[in-house]
Amino acid sequence: MRTLIAAALVSAMSCAPALANDTTAQLGTGGLIFVRTDTVAMESEDLYISPEEVRVAYKFRNISEADVESVVAFPMPDIEANPYANVSIPDMASDNFLDFTVTVDGKPLEPTLDQRAFAAEVDVTDELKAAGIPLLPFGEAAEEALEKLPPETRADWISRGIVMIDTYDVGEGMKDHTIPFWTLKSTYWWKMSFPKGQEIDVRHTYKPSVGATVGLTFVTDGAVGGEQRDLYRRKYCMDGAFERAVQNAVDAAEENVTPYYENWISYVLTTGGNWAANIGKFKLTIDKGKADSLVSFCGEGVKKTGPTTFEMTAEDFYPQKDIEILILEKAPAQ
């Protein structure tokens, strides 16, 4: 994945842009994690990433002489309840905030959800549950429950970094409000059997966290350049063709009008190295949705396969690097 190829291709995403003067950070999410083993091989991985959906299809095979039973897990990204950070979360009201689903050999599976809350790296899950506080820190339910805390509990939790006081107006004048300040760690997991010699088909889907910002952070005074441009060249493999396309759009735009909004998707691919051997066959598909956006990402041998799709394939593949995708969505008409 280290070969520089930037798809300075016209494409786009169907996800709404960030609000004006706002930046929303993305949460990096990946695939399944398996207890490191030398008995189960990943024969293939077919990975599809779009701003609307991530789909992954795996084929596993037990290469040992005995049946194997093990735990497979899907770690959700950590949710930090920082009032000063704006993070893209597809469903703030649900414990399954990425709408994760999984099937094994075509049959839906109901995984177990393990959730723990931490403040200053100390597990405070049981305290929150005992007080009737939802563990998901975003949404109205947690804040409404926190407002009912006894004063002595509130003071103790503030001193320990579990909650904090924020002052704002909800139509009744400026008032102090108790808000979450813990970090939620969530993992779906299940036990799975791998009969000796048999191939097992595992598929999962979820909605990605798509970060965004209004404008172009690597354009300064009307020109592509600066430290952010250098960072993006390393992170997203922006090349000359991509940068020229951006510069042409900037030159053609009216003064003080940005032609694109930035969008980012992160996929943690390196967890695919926990198997008995390298991934036999690996396929990556990036889909952007519309024809008037630009996309850049690092890959090797990437080919355009459709109006909005680009593919990379590899054999005997060992993931050494996670996938970072930059999508420039055309700004709405002024």
C-alpha atoms as a PDB file:
ATOM      1  CA  MET A   1       0.000   0.000   0.000  1.00  0.00           C
ATOM      2  CA  ARG A   2       3.004   2.299   0.004  1.00  0.00           C
ATOM      3  CA  THR A   3       3.238   2.851  -3.734  1.00  0.00           C
ATOM      4  CA  LEU A   4       2.077   6.357  -4.496  1.00  0.00           C
ATOM      5  CA  ILE A   5      -1.011   6.379  -6.633  1.00  0.00           C
ATOM      6  CA  ALA A   6      -3.493   9.134  -6.289  1.00  0.00           C
ATOM      7  CA  ALA A   7      -6.766   8.820  -8.037  1.00  0.00           C
ATOM      8  CA  ALA A   8      -7.282  12.408  -9.127  1.00  0.00           C
ATOM      9  CA  LEU A   9     -10.562  11.203 -10.463  1.00  0.00           C
ATOM     10  CA  VAL A  10     -13.884  12.861 -10.689  1.00  0.00           C
ATOM     11  CA  SER A  11     -16.185  11.201  -8.202  1.00  0.00           C
ATOM     12  CA  ALA A  12     -18.149  11.985  -5.098  1.00  0.00           C
ATOM     13  CA  MET A  13     -20.037  11.042  -2.043  1.00  0.00           C
ATOM     14  CA  SER A  14     -23.682  11.133  -1.189  1.00  0.00           C
ATOM     15  CA  CYS A  15     -23.053  12.085   2.415  1.00  0.00           C
ATOM     16  CA  ALA A  16     -24.042  15.600   3.473  1.00  0.00           C
ATOM     17  CA  PRO A  17     -21.188  18.034   4.054  1.00  0.00           C
ATOM     18  CA  ALA A  18     -20.316  19.517   7.408  1.00  0.00           C
ATOM     19  CA  LEU A  19     -22.230  22.578   8.503  1.00  0.00           C
ATOM     20  CA  ALA A  20     -20.804  25.960   7.637  1.00  0.00           C
ATOM     21  CA  ASN A  21     -17.753  26.979   9.661  1.00  0.00           C
ATOM     22  CA  ASP A  22     -17.619  23.520  11.186  1.00  0.00           C
ATOM     23  CA  THR A  23     -15.274  20.559  11.189  1.00  0.00           C
ATOM     24  CA  THR A  24     -16.347  17.019  12.054  1.00  0.00           C
ATOM     25  CA  ALA A  25     -13.704  14.407  12.843  1.00  0.00           C
ATOM     26  CA  GLN A  26     -13.932  10.843  11.590  1.00  0.00           C
ATOM     27  CA  LEU A  27     -13.613   7.736  13.750  1.00  0.00           C
ATOM     28  CA  GLY A  28     -11.222   5.103  12.423  1.00  0.00           C
ATOM     29  CA  THR A  29     -12.898   1.716  12.138  1.00  0.00           C
ATOM     30  CA  GLY A  30     -11.733  -1.551  10.625  1.00  0.00           C
ATOM     31  CA  GLY A  31     -12.581  -5.209  10.237  1.00  0.00           C
ATOM     32  CA  LEU A  32     -12.738  -8.268  12.446  1.00  0.00           C
ATOM     33  CA  ILE A  33     -10.144  -9.156  15.052  1.00  0.00           C
ATOM     34  CA  PHE A  34      -9.347 -12.793  15.703  1.00  0.00           C
ATOM     35  CA  VAL A  35      -7.198 -14.262  18.434  1.00  0.00           C
ATOM     36  CA  ARG A  36      -3.794 -14.680  16.773  1.00  0.00           C
ATOM     37  CA  THR A  37      -3.674 -18.203  15.392  1.00  0.00           C
ATOM     38  CA  ASP A  38      -1.692 -20.526  13.156  1.00  0.00           C
ATOM     39  CA  THR A  39      -4.682 -22.799  12.508  1.00  0.00           C
ATOM     40  CA  VAL A  40      -7.122 -20.549  10.616  1.00  0.00           C
ATOM     41  CA  ALA A  41      -6.180 -18.866   7.344  1.00  0.00           C
ATOM     42  CA  MET A  42      -7.949 -15.948   5.678  1.00  0.00           C
ATOM     43  CA  GLU A  43      -8.262 -17.142   2.094  1.00  0.00           C
ATOM     44  CA  SER A  44      -9.806 -13.922   0.835  1.00  0.00           C
ATOM     45  CA  GLU A  45     -11.017 -10.503   1.890  1.00  0.00           C
ATOM     46  CA  ASP A  46     -13.306  -8.385  -0.293  1.00  0.00           C
ATOM     47  CA  LEU A  47     -13.519  -4.861   1.138  1.00  0.00           C
ATOM     48  CA  TYR A  48     -15.924  -2.175  -0.102  1.00  0.00           C
ATOM     49  CA  ILE A  49     -15.754   1.375   1.283  1.00  0.00           C
ATOM     50  CA  SER A  50     -18.118   4.231   0.497  1.00  0.00           C
ATOM     51  CA  PRO A  51     -19.307   7.187   2.553  1.00  0.00           C
ATOM     52  CA  GLU A  52     -22.609   5.381   3.047  1.00  0.00           C
ATOM     53  CA  GLU A  53     -21.487   1.834   3.838  1.00  0.00           C
ATOM     54  CA  VAL A  54     -18.548  -0.432   4.547  1.00  0.00           C
ATOM     55  CA  ARG A  55     -18.952  -4.066   3.489  1.00  0.00           C
ATOM     56  CA  VAL A  56     -16.425  -6.808   4.133  1.00  0.00           C
ATOM     57  CA  ALA A  57     -16.642 -10.415   2.934  1.00  0.00           C
ATOM     58  CA  TYR A  58     -14.129 -12.915   4.311  1.00  0.00           C
ATOM     59  CA  LYS A  59     -13.458 -16.552   3.534  1.00  0.00           C
ATOM     60  CA  PHE A  60     -11.670 -18.464   6.293  1.00  0.00           C
ATOM     61  CA  ARG A  61     -10.339 -22.000   6.291  1.00  0.00           C
ATOM     62  CA  ASN A  62      -9.191 -24.176   9.168  1.00  0.00           C
ATOM     63  CA  ILE A  63      -5.892 -25.603   7.921  1.00  0.00           C
ATOM     64  CA  SER A  64      -5.238 -27.768  10.983  1.00  0.00           C
ATOM     65  CA  GLU A  65      -6.201 -31.395  11.629  1.00  0.00           C
ATOM     66  CA  ALA A  66      -8.743 -30.556  14.348  1.00  0.00           C
ATOM     67  CA  ASP A  67     -11.828 -28.410  14.762  1.00  0.00           C
ATOM     68  CA  VAL A  68     -11.145 -24.944  16.184  1.00  0.00           C
ATOM     69  CA  GLU A  69     -13.412 -22.739  18.264  1.00  0.00           C
ATOM     70  CA  SER A  70     -12.372 -19.190  18.989  1.00  0.00           C
ATOM     71  CA  VAL A  71     -13.594 -15.691  19.675  1.00  0.00           C
ATOM     72  CA  VAL A  72     -14.044 -13.210  16.829  1.00  0.00           C
ATOM     73  CA  ALA A  73     -14.501  -9.542  17.669  1.00  0.00           C
ATOM     74  CA  PHE A  74     -15.409  -6.286  15.991  1.00  0.00           C
ATOM     75  CA  PRO A  75     -14.111  -3.334  18.022  1.00  0.00           C
ATOM     76  CA  MET A  76     -16.173  -0.180  17.592  1.00  0.00           C
ATOM     77  CA  PRO A  77     -14.235   3.087  17.714  1.00  0.00           C
ATOM     78  CA  ASP A  78     -13.856   4.694  21.135  1.00  0.00           C
ATOM     79  CA  ILE A  79     -16.345   7.488  21.840  1.00  0.00           C
ATOM     80  CA  GLU A  80     -14.784  10.318  23.836  1.00  0.00           C
ATOM     81  CA  ALA A  81     -17.346  12.635  25.403  1.00  0.00           C
ATOM     82  CA  ASN A  82     -15.373  15.793  24.797  1.00  0.00           C
ATOM     83  CA  PRO A  83     -17.691  18.812  24.476  1.00  0.00           C
ATOM     84  CA  TYR A  84     -15.021  20.672  22.512  1.00  0.00           C
ATOM     85  CA  ALA A  85     -14.691  17.987  19.823  1.00  0.00           C
ATOM     86  CA  ASN A  86     -17.155  17.390  17.010  1.00  0.00           C
ATOM     87  CA  VAL A  87     -17.130  13.766  15.886  1.00  0.00           C
ATOM     88  CA  SER A  88     -19.136  12.114  13.126  1.00  0.00           C
ATOM     89  CA  ILE A  89     -21.338   9.380  14.642  1.00  0.00           C
ATOM     90  CA  PRO A  90     -23.999   7.856  12.350  1.00  0.00           C
ATOM     91  CA  ASP A  91     -26.532   7.186  15.156  1.00  0.00           C
ATOM     92  CA  MET A  92     -25.944   9.017  18.423  1.00  0.00           C
ATOM     93  CA  ALA A  93     -29.011   7.494  20.089  1.00  0.00           C
ATOM     94  CA  SER A  94     -28.138   3.812  19.635  1.00  0.00           C
ATOM     95  CA  ASP A  95     -25.597   1.540  21.330  1.00  0.00           C
ATOM     96  CA  ASN A  96     -25.066   0.103  17.854  1.00  0.00           C
ATOM     97  CA  PHE A  97     -24.079   3.568  16.645  1.00  0.00           C
ATOM     98  CA  LEU A  98     -22.498   2.238  13.422  1.00  0.00           C
ATOM     99  CA  ASP A  99     -25.412  -0.092  12.598  1.00  0.00           C
ATOM    100  CA  PHE A 100     -23.105  -3.132  12.624  1.00  0.00           C
ATOM    101  CA  THR A 101     -24.433  -6.428  11.211  1.00  0.00           C
ATOM    102  CA  VAL A 102     -22.760  -9.803  10.655  1.00  0.00           C
ATOM    103  CA  THR A 103     -23.601 -13.077   8.886  1.00  0.00           C
ATOM    104  CA  VAL A 104     -21.850 -16.460   8.967  1.00  0.00           C
ATOM    105  CA  ASP A 105     -22.375 -18.689   5.926  1.00  0.00           C
ATOM    106  CA  GLY A 106     -25.305 -16.495   4.923  1.00  0.00           C
ATOM    107  CA  LYS A 107     -27.118 -16.661   8.277  1.00  0.00           C
ATOM    108  CA  PRO A 108     -27.547 -13.546  10.442  1.00  0.00           C
ATOM    109  CA  LEU A 109     -25.717 -13.728  13.738  1.00  0.00           C
ATOM    110  CA  GLU A 110     -26.506 -11.778  16.916  1.00  0.00           C
ATOM    111  CA  PRO A 111     -23.168 -10.872  18.477  1.00  0.00           C
ATOM    112  CA  THR A 112     -22.686  -9.916  22.114  1.00  0.00           C
ATOM    113  CA  LEU A 113     -22.041  -6.237  22.789  1.00  0.00           C
ATOM    114  CA  ASP A 114     -19.505  -5.492  25.509  1.00  0.00           C
ATOM    115  CA  GLN A 115     -19.399  -1.845  26.599  1.00  0.00           C
ATOM    116  CA  ARG A 116     -17.251  -0.243  29.282  1.00  0.00           C
ATOM    117  CA  ALA A 117     -16.877   3.384  30.298  1.00  0.00           C
ATOM    118  CA  PHE A 118     -13.569   4.874  31.442  1.00  0.00           C
ATOM    119  CA  ALA A 119     -12.581   8.162  33.067  1.00  0.00           C
ATOM    120  CA  ALA A 120      -8.859   8.886  33.468  1.00  0.00           C
ATOM    121  CA  GLU A 121      -8.344   5.231  32.337  1.00  0.00           C
ATOM    122  CA  VAL A 122     -10.369   3.994  35.355  1.00  0.00           C
ATOM    123  CA  ASP A 123     -13.361   1.748  34.676  1.00  0.00           C
ATOM    124  CA  VAL A 124     -16.490   3.574  35.898  1.00  0.00           C
ATOM    125  CA  THR A 125     -19.067   1.397  34.118  1.00  0.00           C
ATOM    126  CA  ASP A 126     -20.660  -0.051  37.254  1.00  0.00           C
ATOM    127  CA  GLU A 127     -21.019   3.381  38.867  1.00  0.00           C
ATOM    128  CA  LEU A 128     -22.771   4.801  35.818  1.00  0.00           C
ATOM    129  CA  LYS A 129     -25.122   1.825  35.592  1.00  0.00           C
ATOM    130  CA  ALA A 130     -25.916   1.937  39.324  1.00  0.00           C
ATOM    131  CA  ALA A 131     -26.918   5.593  38.950  1.00  0.00           C
ATOM    132  CA  GLY A 132     -29.086   4.824  35.918  1.00  0.00           C
ATOM    133  CA  ILE A 133     -26.833   6.708  33.472  1.00  0.00           C
ATOM    134  CA  PRO A 134     -26.750   5.436  29.853  1.00  0.00           C
ATOM    135  CA  LEU A 135     -23.205   4.516  28.812  1.00  0.00           C
ATOM    136  CA  LEU A 136     -23.453   6.179  25.391  1.00  0.00           C
ATOM    137  CA  PRO A 137     -22.294   9.713  26.214  1.00  0.00           C
ATOM    138  CA  PHE A 138     -23.947  11.453  23.263  1.00  0.00           C
ATOM    139  CA  GLY A 139     -27.643  12.103  22.937  1.00  0.00           C
ATOM    140  CA  GLU A 140     -30.199  13.534  25.303  1.00  0.00           C
ATOM    141  CA  ALA A 141     -30.711  10.449  27.495  1.00  0.00           C
ATOM    142  CA  ALA A 142     -27.326  10.642  29.237  1.00  0.00           C
ATOM    143  CA  GLU A 143     -27.524  14.388  29.896  1.00  0.00           C
ATOM    144  CA  GLU A 144     -31.086  14.157  31.198  1.00  0.00           C
ATOM    145  CA  ALA A 145     -30.066  11.400  33.615  1.00  0.00           C
ATOM    146  CA  LEU A 146     -27.003  13.338  34.777  1.00  0.00           C
ATOM    147  CA  GLU A 147     -29.141  16.356  35.686  1.00  0.00           C
ATOM    148  CA  LYS A 148     -30.817  14.177  38.348  1.00  0.00           C
ATOM    149  CA  LEU A 149     -27.579  13.258  40.148  1.00  0.00           C
ATOM    150  CA  PRO A 150     -27.401  14.045  43.888  1.00  0.00           C
ATOM    151  CA  PRO A 151     -25.100  17.030  44.546  1.00  0.00           C
ATOM    152  CA  GLU A 152     -22.539  14.926  46.422  1.00  0.00           C
ATOM    153  CA  THR A 153     -22.311  12.391  43.556  1.00  0.00           C
ATOM    154  CA  ARG A 154     -21.990  15.190  41.009  1.00  0.00           C
ATOM    155  CA  ALA A 155     -19.152  16.799  42.959  1.00  0.00           C
ATOM    156  CA  ASP A 156     -17.343  13.455  43.285  1.00  0.00           C
ATOM    157  CA  TRP A 157     -17.704  12.659  39.586  1.00  0.00           C
ATOM    158  CA  ILE A 158     -16.490  16.105  38.563  1.00  0.00           C
ATOM    159  CA  SER A 159     -13.351  15.674  40.700  1.00  0.00           C
ATOM    160  CA  ARG A 160     -12.680  12.284  39.055  1.00  0.00           C
ATOM    161  CA  GLY A 161     -13.215  13.430  35.470  1.00  0.00           C
ATOM    162  CA  ILE A 162     -16.352  11.371  34.884  1.00  0.00           C
ATOM    163  CA  VAL A 163     -18.483  14.438  34.149  1.00  0.00           C
ATOM    164  CA  MET A 164     -17.932  18.153  33.768  1.00  0.00           C
ATOM    165  CA  ILE A 165     -19.970  21.344  33.956  1.00  0.00           C
ATOM    166  CA  ASP A 166     -20.791  23.220  30.771  1.00  0.00           C
ATOM    167  CA  THR A 167     -22.657  26.518  30.721  1.00  0.00           C
ATOM    168  CA  TYR A 168     -25.078  27.242  27.892  1.00  0.00           C
ATOM    169  CA  ASP A 169     -28.541  28.542  27.092  1.00  0.00           C
ATOM    170  CA  VAL A 170     -31.386  26.226  26.070  1.00  0.00           C
ATOM    171  CA  GLY A 171     -33.949  29.026  25.969  1.00  0.00           C
ATOM    172  CA  GLU A 172     -33.997  29.671  29.708  1.00  0.00           C
ATOM    173  CA  GLY A 173     -30.910  31.832  30.048  1.00  0.00           C
ATOM    174  CA  MET A 174     -27.334  30.757  30.734  1.00  0.00           C
ATOM    175  CA  LYS A 175     -27.266  27.808  33.124  1.00  0.00           C
ATOM    176  CA  ASP A 176     -24.776  25.172  34.294  1.00  0.00           C
ATOM    177  CA  HIS A 177     -25.349  21.676  32.932  1.00  0.00           C
ATOM    178  CA  THR A 178     -23.742  18.374  33.931  1.00  0.00           C
ATOM    179  CA  ILE A 179     -22.424  16.652  30.823  1.00  0.00           C
ATOM    180  CA  PRO A 180     -20.548  13.371  30.170  1.00  0.00           C
ATOM    181  CA  PHE A 181     -16.761  13.374  30.097  1.00  0.00           C
ATOM    182  CA  TRP A 182     -16.043   9.636  30.024  1.00  0.00           C
ATOM    183  CA  THR A 183     -14.817   7.465  27.149  1.00  0.00           C
ATOM    184  CA  LEU A 184     -16.973   4.586  25.924  1.00  0.00           C
ATOM    185  CA  LYS A 185     -15.269   1.457  24.600  1.00  0.00           C
ATOM    186  CA  SER A 186     -17.549  -0.937  22.687  1.00  0.00           C
ATOM    187  CA  THR A 187     -16.812  -4.334  21.149  1.00  0.00           C
ATOM    188  CA  TYR A 188     -19.082  -6.827  19.425  1.00  0.00           C
ATOM    189  CA  TRP A 189     -17.878 -10.409  19.827  1.00  0.00           C
ATOM    190  CA  TRP A 190     -19.005 -13.986  19.314  1.00  0.00           C
ATOM    191  CA  LYS A 191     -17.686 -17.517  19.512  1.00  0.00           C
ATOM    192  CA  MET A 192     -17.215 -19.206  16.182  1.00  0.00           C
ATOM    193  CA  SER A 193     -16.445 -22.755  15.131  1.00  0.00           C
ATOM    194  CA  PHE A 194     -14.031 -23.545  12.315  1.00  0.00           C
ATOM    195  CA  PRO A 195     -14.422 -27.224  11.323  1.00  0.00           C
ATOM    196  CA  LYS A 196     -11.185 -28.711  10.044  1.00  0.00           C
ATOM    197  CA  GLY A 197     -10.681 -28.301   6.322  1.00  0.00           C
ATOM    198  CA  GLN A 198     -13.880 -26.331   5.780  1.00  0.00           C
ATOM    199  CA  GLU A 199     -14.318 -22.871   4.299  1.00  0.00           C
ATOM    200  CA  ILE A 200     -16.358 -20.388   6.357  1.00  0.00           C
ATOM    201  CA  ASP A 201     -17.955 -17.285   4.833  1.00  0.00           C
ATOM    202  CA  VAL A 202     -18.188 -14.287   7.199  1.00  0.00           C
ATOM    203  CA  ARG A 203     -19.594 -10.917   6.153  1.00  0.00           C
ATOM    204  CA  HIS A 204     -20.217  -7.738   8.047  1.00  0.00           C
ATOM    205  CA  THR A 205     -21.477  -4.252   7.264  1.00  0.00           C
ATOM    206  CA  TYR A 206     -21.617  -0.924   9.035  1.00  0.00           C
ATOM    207  CA  LYS A 207     -22.000   2.782   8.406  1.00  0.00           C
ATOM    208  CA  PRO A 208     -18.650   4.563   8.437  1.00  0.00           C
ATOM    209  CA  SER A 209     -17.849   7.675  10.387  1.00  0.00           C
ATOM    210  CA  VAL A 210     -17.144  10.331   7.750  1.00  0.00           C
ATOM    211  CA  GLY A 211     -15.188  13.380   8.867  1.00  0.00           C
ATOM    212  CA  ALA A 212     -15.603  16.676   7.061  1.00  0.00           C
ATOM    213  CA  THR A 213     -14.683  20.328   6.986  1.00  0.00           C
ATOM    214  CA  VAL A 214     -15.882  23.292   5.001  1.00  0.00           C
ATOM    215  CA  GLY A 215     -13.195  24.488   2.614  1.00  0.00           C
ATOM    216  CA  LEU A 216      -9.761  23.189   1.663  1.00  0.00           C
ATOM    217  CA  THR A 217      -7.161  23.088   4.413  1.00  0.00           C
ATOM    218  CA  PHE A 218      -4.290  22.531   1.988  1.00  0.00           C
ATOM    219  CA  VAL A 219      -5.051  25.689  -0.034  1.00  0.00           C
ATOM    220  CA  THR A 220      -3.563  28.954   1.270  1.00  0.00           C
ATOM    221  CA  ASP A 221      -4.082  32.359  -0.326  1.00  0.00           C
ATOM    222  CA  GLY A 222      -5.612  30.747  -3.382  1.00  0.00           C
ATOM    223  CA  ALA A 223      -2.801  28.245  -3.987  1.00  0.00           C
ATOM    224  CA  VAL A 224      -2.299  24.559  -3.167  1.00  0.00           C
ATOM    225  CA  GLY A 225       0.629  24.372  -0.748  1.00  0.00           C
ATOM    226  CA  GLY A 226       1.850  24.601   2.824  1.00  0.00           C
ATOM    227  CA  GLU A 227       2.392  22.083   5.618  1.00  0.00           C
ATOM    228  CA  GLN A 228      -1.111  20.610   5.279  1.00  0.00           C
ATOM    229  CA  ARG A 229      -0.432  19.878   1.606  1.00  0.00           C
ATOM    230  CA  ASP A 230       2.766  18.064   2.576  1.00  0.00           C
ATOM    231  CA  LEU A 231       0.877  16.082   5.228  1.00  0.00           C
ATOM    232  CA  TYR A 232      -1.848  15.125   2.755  1.00  0.00           C
ATOM    233  CA  ARG A 233       0.733  13.993   0.206  1.00  0.00           C
ATOM    234  CA  ARG A 234       2.002  11.497   2.755  1.00  0.00           C
ATOM    235  CA  LYS A 235      -1.355  10.490   4.201  1.00  0.00           C
ATOM    236  CA  TYR A 236      -3.526  10.416   1.066  1.00  0.00           C
ATOM    237  CA  CYS A 237      -0.857  10.186  -1.671  1.00  0.00           C
ATOM    238  CA  MET A 238      -2.023  13.348  -3.424  1.00  0.00           C
ATOM    239  CA  ASP A 239      -0.145  13.637  -6.709  1.00  0.00           C
ATOM    240  CA  GLY A 240       0.399  16.383  -9.283  1.00  0.00           C
ATOM    241  CA  ALA A 241      -2.723  15.580 -11.307  1.00  0.00           C
ATOM    242  CA  PHE A 242      -4.931  15.746  -8.223  1.00  0.00           C
ATOM    243  CA  GLU A 243      -3.388  19.019  -7.079  1.00  0.00           C
ATOM    244  CA  ARG A 244      -3.738  20.571 -10.538  1.00  0.00           C
ATOM    245  CA  ALA A 245      -7.418  19.624 -10.607  1.00  0.00           C
ATOM    246  CA  VAL A 246      -7.895  21.343  -7.256  1.00  0.00           C
ATOM    247  CA  GLN A 247      -5.907  24.412  -8.331  1.00  0.00           C
ATOM    248  CA  ASN A 248      -7.916  24.736 -11.555  1.00  0.00           C
ATOM    249  CA  ALA A 249     -11.156  24.611  -9.559  1.00  0.00           C
ATOM    250  CA  VAL A 250      -9.859  27.232  -7.115  1.00  0.00           C
ATOM    251  CA  ASP A 251      -8.775  29.511  -9.983  1.00  0.00           C
ATOM    252  CA  ALA A 252     -12.181  29.202 -11.648  1.00  0.00           C
ATOM    253  CA  ALA A 253     -14.151  29.937  -8.475  1.00  0.00           C
ATOM    254  CA  GLU A 254     -15.293  33.372  -7.450  1.00  0.00           C
ATOM    255  CA  GLU A 255     -13.172  35.250  -4.938  1.00  0.00           C
ATOM    256  CA  ASN A 256     -13.484  33.897  -1.367  1.00  0.00           C
ATOM    257  CA  VAL A 257     -15.598  30.970  -2.573  1.00  0.00           C
ATOM    258  CA  THR A 258     -14.336  27.441  -1.988  1.00  0.00           C
ATOM    259  CA  PRO A 259     -15.069  24.927  -4.771  1.00  0.00           C
ATOM    260  CA  TYR A 260     -14.850  21.818  -2.551  1.00  0.00           C
ATOM    261  CA  TYR A 261     -15.439  20.549   0.975  1.00  0.00           C
ATOM    262  CA  GLU A 262     -13.052  17.963   2.436  1.00  0.00           C
ATOM    263  CA  ASN A 263     -14.319  14.568   3.611  1.00  0.00           C
ATOM    264  CA  TRP A 264     -12.232  11.812   5.212  1.00  0.00           C
ATOM    265  CA  ILE A 265     -12.714   8.090   5.845  1.00  0.00           C
ATOM    266  CA  SER A 266     -10.273   5.962   7.858  1.00  0.00           C
ATOM    267  CA  TYR A 267     -10.229   2.151   7.727  1.00  0.00           C
ATOM    268  CA  VAL A 268      -8.032   0.103  10.059  1.00  0.00           C
ATOM    269  CA  LEU A 269      -6.695  -2.626   7.775  1.00  0.00           C
ATOM    270  CA  THR A 270      -3.705  -3.810   9.811  1.00  0.00           C
ATOM    271  CA  THR A 271      -5.825  -6.053  12.064  1.00  0.00           C
ATOM    272  CA  GLY A 272      -5.957  -8.418   9.077  1.00  0.00           C
ATOM    273  CA  GLY A 273      -2.521  -9.718  10.056  1.00  0.00           C
ATOM    274  CA  ASN A 274      -3.689 -12.063  12.821  1.00  0.00           C
ATOM    275  CA  TRP A 275      -4.073 -15.147  10.666  1.00  0.00           C
ATOM    276  CA  ALA A 276      -2.060 -18.280   9.988  1.00  0.00           C
ATOM    277  CA  ALA A 277      -0.705 -16.793   6.748  1.00  0.00           C
ATOM    278  CA  ASN A 278      -1.025 -13.723   4.581  1.00  0.00           C
ATOM    279  CA  ILE A 279      -4.439 -12.943   3.079  1.00  0.00           C
ATOM    280  CA  GLY A 280      -4.699 -15.211   0.047  1.00  0.00           C
ATOM    281  CA  LYS A 281      -6.665 -12.816  -2.168  1.00  0.00           C
ATOM    282  CA  PHE A 282      -7.384  -9.222  -1.245  1.00  0.00           C
ATOM    283  CA  LYS A 283      -9.732  -6.872  -3.084  1.00  0.00           C
ATOM    284  CA  LEU A 284     -10.415  -3.239  -2.213  1.00  0.00           C
ATOM    285  CA  THR A 285     -13.208  -1.210  -3.803  1.00  0.00           C
ATOM    286  CA  ILE A 286     -13.601   2.517  -3.176  1.00  0.00           C
ATOM    287  CA  ASP A 287     -16.921   4.021  -4.243  1.00  0.00           C
ATOM    288  CA  LYS A 288     -17.579   7.733  -4.213  1.00  0.00           C
ATOM    289  CA  GLY A 289     -21.096   8.115  -5.544  1.00  0.00           C
ATOM    290  CA  LYS A 290     -21.111  11.231  -7.744  1.00  0.00           C
ATOM    291  CA  ALA A 291     -19.095  12.250 -10.755  1.00  0.00           C
ATOM    292  CA  ASP A 292     -18.079  15.767  -9.739  1.00  0.00           C
ATOM    293  CA  SER A 293     -15.846  15.121  -6.702  1.00  0.00           C
ATOM    294  CA  LEU A 294     -12.147  14.330  -6.420  1.00  0.00           C
ATOM    295  CA  VAL A 295     -10.646  11.438  -4.491  1.00  0.00           C
ATOM    296  CA  SER A 296      -7.133  10.555  -3.416  1.00  0.00           C
ATOM    297  CA  PHE A 297      -5.805   7.559  -1.486  1.00  0.00           C
ATOM    298  CA  CYS A 298      -2.734   5.336  -1.357  1.00  0.00           C
ATOM    299  CA  GLY A 299      -2.748   2.004  -3.120  1.00  0.00           C
ATOM    300  CA  GLU A 300      -0.956  -0.155  -5.627  1.00  0.00           C
ATOM    301  CA  GLY A 301      -2.293  -0.992  -9.068  1.00  0.00           C
ATOM    302  CA  VAL A 302      -5.597   0.811  -8.531  1.00  0.00           C
ATOM    303  CA  LYS A 303      -7.908   0.727 -11.562  1.00  0.00           C
ATOM    304  CA  LYS A 304     -11.080   2.599 -12.372  1.00  0.00           C
ATOM    305  CA  THR A 305     -13.853   0.017 -12.775  1.00  0.00           C
ATOM    306  CA  GLY A 306     -16.913   2.208 -13.092  1.00  0.00           C
ATOM    307  CA  PRO A 307     -18.100   5.816 -13.054  1.00  0.00           C
ATOM    308  CA  THR A 308     -17.582   5.996  -9.286  1.00  0.00           C
ATOM    309  CA  THR A 309     -15.626   2.870  -8.330  1.00  0.00           C
ATOM    310  CA  PHE A 310     -11.906   2.092  -8.146  1.00  0.00           C
ATOM    311  CA  GLU A 311     -10.381  -1.286  -7.319  1.00  0.00           C
ATOM    312  CA  MET A 312      -7.122  -2.699  -6.079  1.00  0.00           C
ATOM    313  CA  THR A 313      -6.352  -6.425  -5.920  1.00  0.00           C
ATOM    314  CA  ALA A 314      -3.437  -8.338  -4.447  1.00  0.00           C
ATOM    315  CA  GLU A 315      -2.454 -11.917  -3.663  1.00  0.00           C
ATOM    316  CA  ASP A 316      -0.551 -13.236  -0.662  1.00  0.00           C
ATOM    317  CA  PHE A 317      -1.293  -9.856   0.892  1.00  0.00           C
ATOM    318  CA  TYR A 318      -0.025  -8.658   4.264  1.00  0.00           C
ATOM    319  CA  PRO A 319      -1.577  -5.346   5.392  1.00  0.00           C
ATOM    320  CA  GLN A 320       1.174  -2.995   6.523  1.00  0.00           C
ATOM    321  CA  LYS A 321      -0.809   0.225   6.475  1.00  0.00           C
ATOM    322  CA  ASP A 322      -4.321   1.414   7.204  1.00  0.00           C
ATOM    323  CA  ILE A 323      -6.483   3.012   4.506  1.00  0.00           C
ATOM    324  CA  GLU A 324      -6.967   6.787   4.516  1.00  0.00           C
ATOM    325  CA  ILE A 325      -9.321   8.283   1.934  1.00  0.00           C
ATOM    326  CA  LEU A 326      -9.674  11.957   1.029  1.00  0.00           C
ATOM    327  CA  ILE A 327     -12.803  12.965  -0.871  1.00  0.00           C
ATOM    328  CA  LEU A 328     -13.378  16.483  -2.089  1.00  0.00           C
ATOM    329  CA  GLU A 329     -17.096  17.051  -2.473  1.00  0.00           C
ATOM    330  CA  LYS A 330     -18.205  19.903  -4.669  1.00  0.00           C
ATOM    331  CA  ALA A 331     -19.443  22.785  -2.562  1.00  0.00           C
ATOM    332  CA  PRO A 332     -23.126  23.679  -2.952  1.00  0.00           C
ATOM    333  CA  ALA A 333     -23.963  26.657  -5.124  1.00  0.00           C
ATOM    334  CA  GLN A 334     -23.838  29.952  -3.309  1.00  0.00           C
END
